Amino acid sequence: MECNKDEAFRAKAIAEKKLIRGDIKGAKKFASKAQRMFPKLDGLSQFLAIIDVYVAHENKINGHSDYYGIFGLDRFADEQTLKKQYKRMALSLHPDKNRAVGADGAFKIMSEAWCVLSDKGKRSAYNSKLEIKASKQTTYTVKTQSVRRTQRQTQGTGTNAQSTTARDGEGKKPKSETSSEGSFWSWRRVVKYKELSLSLFLFASLLTFCISSNPGKKIMAQ
């Protein structure tokens, strides 16, 4: 157990150095490590509260600090809840009561957030800035989704058209092939006609020759 306490103390010391250097994420990482090793380490809970304020301050929304996140609340928190949370944190973070590293800076950040959220006019203006960000994000998302749907539909139409064309073409021969086949059969008919005409001509000639050569048979035939 004492070993864990020593390790937690060293982790907390590293977290303090990182916070002084402005490495908020690094400070949070080692402070959380110290908490896992020895949650009851002296001054650790106060130090973690300080780091949480810095983390929320670093979280920008439309270029503005997350004032609601500093108090651990959302933008729909009522005035009484906000005031109660402010008093609790003010007692915890005030430099006269909290000697941990970064307490003074955390208290100033919290006071800045309270100055805005405790004033109805300033809070309304601040909320409007957050709504503008949300509105832009929503519009962008809707437009992006619409474009993607259109692209998918266009691609689908093109694919279907290609498939239909392919199916239609399966049972049909190319025009050039059909034309060639038609020409071939026309040529065959012409050849057969010529062959038949030639055969008839030869037969008629042969018959005439035979009759001319045997006149007696012609008379007998009569």
Protein backbone atom coordinates (compact mmCIF):
# COMPACT_ATOMS: atom_id res chain seq x y z
CA MET A 1 0.00 0.00 0.00
CA GLU A 2 2.84 2.38 0.87
CA CYS A 3 4.44 1.50 -2.44
CA ASN A 4 1.29 2.62 -4.24
CA LYS A 5 1.28 5.82 -2.22
CA ASP A 6 4.84 6.63 -3.25
CA GLU A 7 4.06 5.93 -6.91
CA ALA A 8 0.94 8.09 -6.67
CA PHE A 9 2.96 10.92 -5.13
CA ARG A 10 5.48 10.77 -7.99
CA ALA A 11 2.69 10.71 -10.57
CA LYS A 12 1.09 13.77 -8.96
CA ALA A 13 4.43 15.59 -9.01
CA ILE A 14 4.78 14.89 -12.74
CA ALA A 15 1.22 16.11 -13.30
CA GLU A 16 2.00 19.38 -11.50
CA LYS A 17 5.06 20.00 -13.67
CA LYS A 18 3.09 19.34 -16.83
CA LEU A 19 0.34 21.72 -15.73
CA ILE A 20 2.90 24.47 -15.12
CA ARG A 21 4.23 23.92 -18.65
CA GLY A 22 0.74 24.13 -20.10
CA ASP A 23 0.43 20.44 -20.97
CA ILE A 24 -3.16 20.04 -19.80
CA LYS A 25 -3.68 16.58 -21.27
CA GLY A 26 -0.44 15.30 -19.78
CA ALA A 27 -1.32 16.73 -16.37
CA LYS A 28 -4.73 15.06 -16.50
CA LYS A 29 -3.17 11.74 -17.47
CA PHE A 30 -0.72 11.58 -14.55
CA ALA A 31 -3.17 13.00 -12.02
CA SER A 32 -5.64 10.27 -12.98
CA LYS A 33 -2.86 7.71 -12.62
CA ALA A 34 -2.12 8.96 -9.11
CA GLN A 35 -5.81 8.69 -8.25
CA ARG A 36 -5.94 5.07 -9.38
CA MET A 37 -2.90 4.18 -7.30
CA PHE A 38 -3.84 6.01 -4.11
CA PRO A 39 -7.16 7.91 -4.19
CA LYS A 40 -6.69 9.35 -0.69
CA LEU A 41 -3.38 11.05 -1.47
CA ASP A 42 -3.19 14.41 0.27
CA GLY A 43 -4.31 17.30 -1.96
CA LEU A 44 -5.06 15.05 -4.92
CA SER A 45 -8.83 15.66 -5.07
CA GLN A 46 -8.31 19.45 -5.05
CA PHE A 47 -5.67 19.15 -7.76
CA LEU A 48 -7.99 17.05 -9.94
CA ALA A 49 -10.72 19.70 -9.59
CA ILE A 50 -8.25 22.32 -10.81
CA ILE A 51 -7.23 20.25 -13.82
CA ASP A 52 -10.88 19.67 -14.77
CA VAL A 53 -11.38 23.43 -14.99
CA TYR A 54 -8.41 23.78 -17.33
CA VAL A 55 -9.61 20.87 -19.47
CA ALA A 56 -13.08 22.43 -19.87
CA HIS A 57 -11.49 25.80 -20.66
CA GLU A 58 -9.42 24.19 -23.42
CA ASN A 59 -12.56 22.68 -24.96
CA LYS A 60 -13.60 25.32 -27.51
CA ILE A 61 -17.07 25.59 -29.01
CA ASN A 62 -17.15 27.83 -32.06
CA GLY A 63 -13.95 29.43 -30.77
CA HIS A 64 -15.38 30.05 -27.29
CA SER A 65 -14.55 28.35 -24.01
CA ASP A 66 -17.05 25.80 -22.71
CA TYR A 67 -18.33 27.82 -19.74
CA TYR A 68 -20.99 25.26 -18.91
CA GLY A 69 -18.41 22.49 -18.95
CA ILE A 70 -16.31 24.41 -16.42
CA PHE A 71 -19.15 24.01 -13.93
CA GLY A 72 -19.87 20.46 -15.05
CA LEU A 73 -23.31 21.47 -16.36
CA ASP A 74 -25.08 21.67 -19.70
CA ARG A 75 -26.54 24.79 -21.30
CA PHE A 76 -30.04 23.98 -20.06
CA ALA A 77 -29.10 24.23 -16.38
CA ASP A 78 -31.37 26.62 -14.46
CA GLU A 79 -30.12 29.66 -12.57
CA GLN A 80 -30.36 28.06 -9.11
CA THR A 81 -28.37 24.98 -10.13
CA LEU A 82 -25.70 27.16 -11.70
CA LYS A 83 -25.44 29.38 -8.63
CA LYS A 84 -25.17 26.38 -6.30
CA GLN A 85 -22.37 24.87 -8.37
CA TYR A 86 -20.52 28.19 -8.48
CA LYS A 87 -20.52 28.53 -4.70
CA ARG A 88 -19.27 24.99 -4.24
CA MET A 89 -16.43 25.43 -6.72
CA ALA A 90 -15.52 28.90 -5.43
CA LEU A 91 -14.89 27.45 -1.97
CA SER A 92 -12.87 24.60 -3.45
CA LEU A 93 -10.74 26.63 -5.87
CA HIS A 94 -10.13 29.87 -4.01
CA PRO A 95 -6.36 30.34 -3.62
CA ASP A 96 -6.76 31.08 0.10
CA LYS A 97 -8.20 27.59 0.62
CA ASN A 98 -6.56 25.63 -2.19
CA ARG A 99 -2.76 25.70 -2.26
CA ALA A 100 -2.44 23.22 -5.10
CA VAL A 101 -0.56 24.11 -8.26
CA GLY A 102 -2.76 26.01 -10.73
CA ALA A 103 -5.48 26.97 -8.21
CA ASP A 104 -5.15 30.69 -8.91
CA GLY A 105 -5.54 30.27 -12.68
CA ALA A 106 -8.46 27.86 -12.28
CA PHE A 107 -10.26 30.31 -10.00
CA LYS A 108 -9.86 33.11 -12.56
CA ILE A 109 -11.22 30.89 -15.34
CA MET A 110 -14.23 29.94 -13.23
CA SER A 111 -14.87 33.59 -12.33
CA GLU A 112 -14.83 34.53 -16.01
CA ALA A 113 -17.38 31.82 -16.80
CA TRP A 114 -19.59 32.90 -13.90
CA CYS A 115 -19.47 36.53 -15.05
CA VAL A 116 -21.03 35.49 -18.37
CA LEU A 117 -23.50 32.85 -17.23
CA SER A 118 -24.82 34.78 -14.23
CA ASP A 119 -25.84 37.72 -16.45
CA LYS A 120 -29.01 36.98 -18.46
CA GLY A 121 -28.03 39.20 -21.37
CA LYS A 122 -24.48 37.83 -21.64
CA ARG A 123 -25.69 34.26 -21.21
CA SER A 124 -28.27 34.69 -23.98
CA ALA A 125 -25.63 36.11 -26.32
CA TYR A 126 -23.26 33.26 -25.43
CA ASN A 127 -25.97 30.67 -26.08
CA SER A 128 -26.69 32.27 -29.44
CA LYS A 129 -23.07 31.79 -30.46
CA LEU A 130 -23.29 28.13 -29.52
CA GLU A 131 -26.54 27.78 -31.51
CA ILE A 132 -24.91 29.29 -34.59
CA LYS A 133 -22.24 26.62 -34.38
CA ALA A 134 -24.83 23.88 -33.97
CA SER A 135 -26.92 25.28 -36.84
CA LYS A 136 -23.94 25.38 -39.19
CA GLN A 137 -22.98 21.86 -38.26
CA THR A 138 -26.54 20.59 -38.81
CA THR A 139 -26.82 22.35 -42.18
CA TYR A 140 -23.50 20.92 -43.31
CA THR A 141 -24.52 17.44 -42.19
CA VAL A 142 -27.87 17.62 -44.02
CA LYS A 143 -26.26 18.91 -47.21
CA THR A 144 -23.57 16.25 -47.06
CA GLN A 145 -26.14 13.49 -46.60
CA SER A 146 -28.24 14.88 -49.47
CA VAL A 147 -25.24 14.96 -51.82
CA ARG A 148 -24.31 11.41 -50.85
CA ARG A 149 -27.86 10.18 -51.47
CA THR A 150 -27.89 11.86 -54.89
CA GLN A 151 -24.57 10.30 -55.78
CA ARG A 152 -25.78 6.85 -54.74
CA GLN A 153 -28.99 7.28 -56.76
CA THR A 154 -27.05 8.45 -59.81
CA GLN A 155 -24.65 5.55 -59.56
CA GLY A 156 -27.56 3.15 -59.10
CA THR A 157 -29.36 4.53 -62.17
CA GLY A 158 -26.24 4.22 -64.27
CA THR A 159 -25.67 0.65 -63.13
CA ASN A 160 -29.29 -0.33 -63.84
CA ALA A 161 -29.14 1.23 -67.27
CA GLN A 162 -25.97 -0.69 -68.08
CA SER A 163 -27.53 -3.91 -66.81
CA THR A 164 -30.69 -3.36 -68.87
CA THR A 165 -28.64 -2.65 -71.98
CA ALA A 166 -26.58 -5.76 -71.39
CA ARG A 167 -29.70 -7.90 -70.94
CA ASP A 168 -31.34 -6.45 -74.04
CA GLY A 169 -28.22 -7.14 -76.02
CA GLU A 170 -27.95 -10.77 -74.96
CA GLY A 171 -30.79 -11.98 -77.22
CA LYS A 172 -29.95 -9.72 -80.14
CA LYS A 173 -27.20 -10.05 -82.69
CA PRO A 174 -25.25 -7.00 -83.73
CA LYS A 175 -26.73 -5.08 -86.60
CA SER A 176 -23.69 -5.73 -88.76
CA GLU A 177 -24.04 -9.49 -88.27
CA THR A 178 -27.77 -9.39 -89.11
CA SER A 179 -27.10 -7.35 -92.21
CA SER A 180 -24.36 -9.74 -93.29
CA GLU A 181 -26.61 -12.77 -92.84
CA GLY A 182 -29.36 -11.12 -94.89
CA SER A 183 -26.97 -10.35 -97.71
CA PHE A 184 -25.66 -13.92 -97.66
CA TRP A 185 -29.11 -15.51 -98.07
CA SER A 186 -30.09 -13.03 -100.77
CA TRP A 187 -26.97 -13.99 -102.67
CA ARG A 188 -27.78 -17.69 -102.26
CA ARG A 189 -31.27 -17.15 -103.72
CA VAL A 190 -29.82 -15.34 -106.73
CA VAL A 191 -27.32 -18.14 -107.33
CA LYS A 192 -30.00 -20.83 -107.13
CA TYR A 193 -32.21 -18.89 -109.56
CA LYS A 194 -29.37 -18.58 -112.01
CA GLU A 195 -28.55 -22.28 -111.67
CA LEU A 196 -32.21 -23.21 -112.33
CA SER A 197 -32.41 -20.91 -115.34
CA LEU A 198 -29.22 -22.38 -116.74
CA SER A 199 -30.54 -25.94 -116.26
CA LEU A 200 -33.78 -25.13 -118.08
CA PHE A 201 -31.88 -23.49 -120.88
CA LEU A 202 -29.61 -26.50 -121.33
CA PHE A 203 -32.57 -28.90 -121.25
CA ALA A 204 -34.45 -26.88 -123.89
CA SER A 205 -31.35 -26.73 -126.10
CA LEU A 206 -30.77 -30.45 -125.81
CA LEU A 207 -34.40 -31.21 -126.64
CA THR A 208 -34.28 -28.99 -129.72
CA PHE A 209 -31.09 -30.67 -130.87
CA CYS A 210 -32.60 -34.14 -130.53
CA ILE A 211 -35.72 -33.24 -132.52
CA SER A 212 -33.64 -31.66 -135.26
CA SER A 213 -31.43 -34.74 -135.53
CA ASN A 214 -34.38 -37.25 -135.83
CA PRO A 215 -37.11 -35.73 -138.07
CA GLY A 216 -38.75 -39.13 -138.57
CA LYS A 217 -39.40 -39.54 -134.92
CA LYS A 218 -40.84 -36.04 -134.91
CA ILE A 219 -43.36 -37.04 -137.67
CA MET A 220 -44.23 -40.27 -135.88
CA ALA A 221 -44.70 -38.39 -132.71
CA GLN A 222 -47.17 -36.18 -134.57
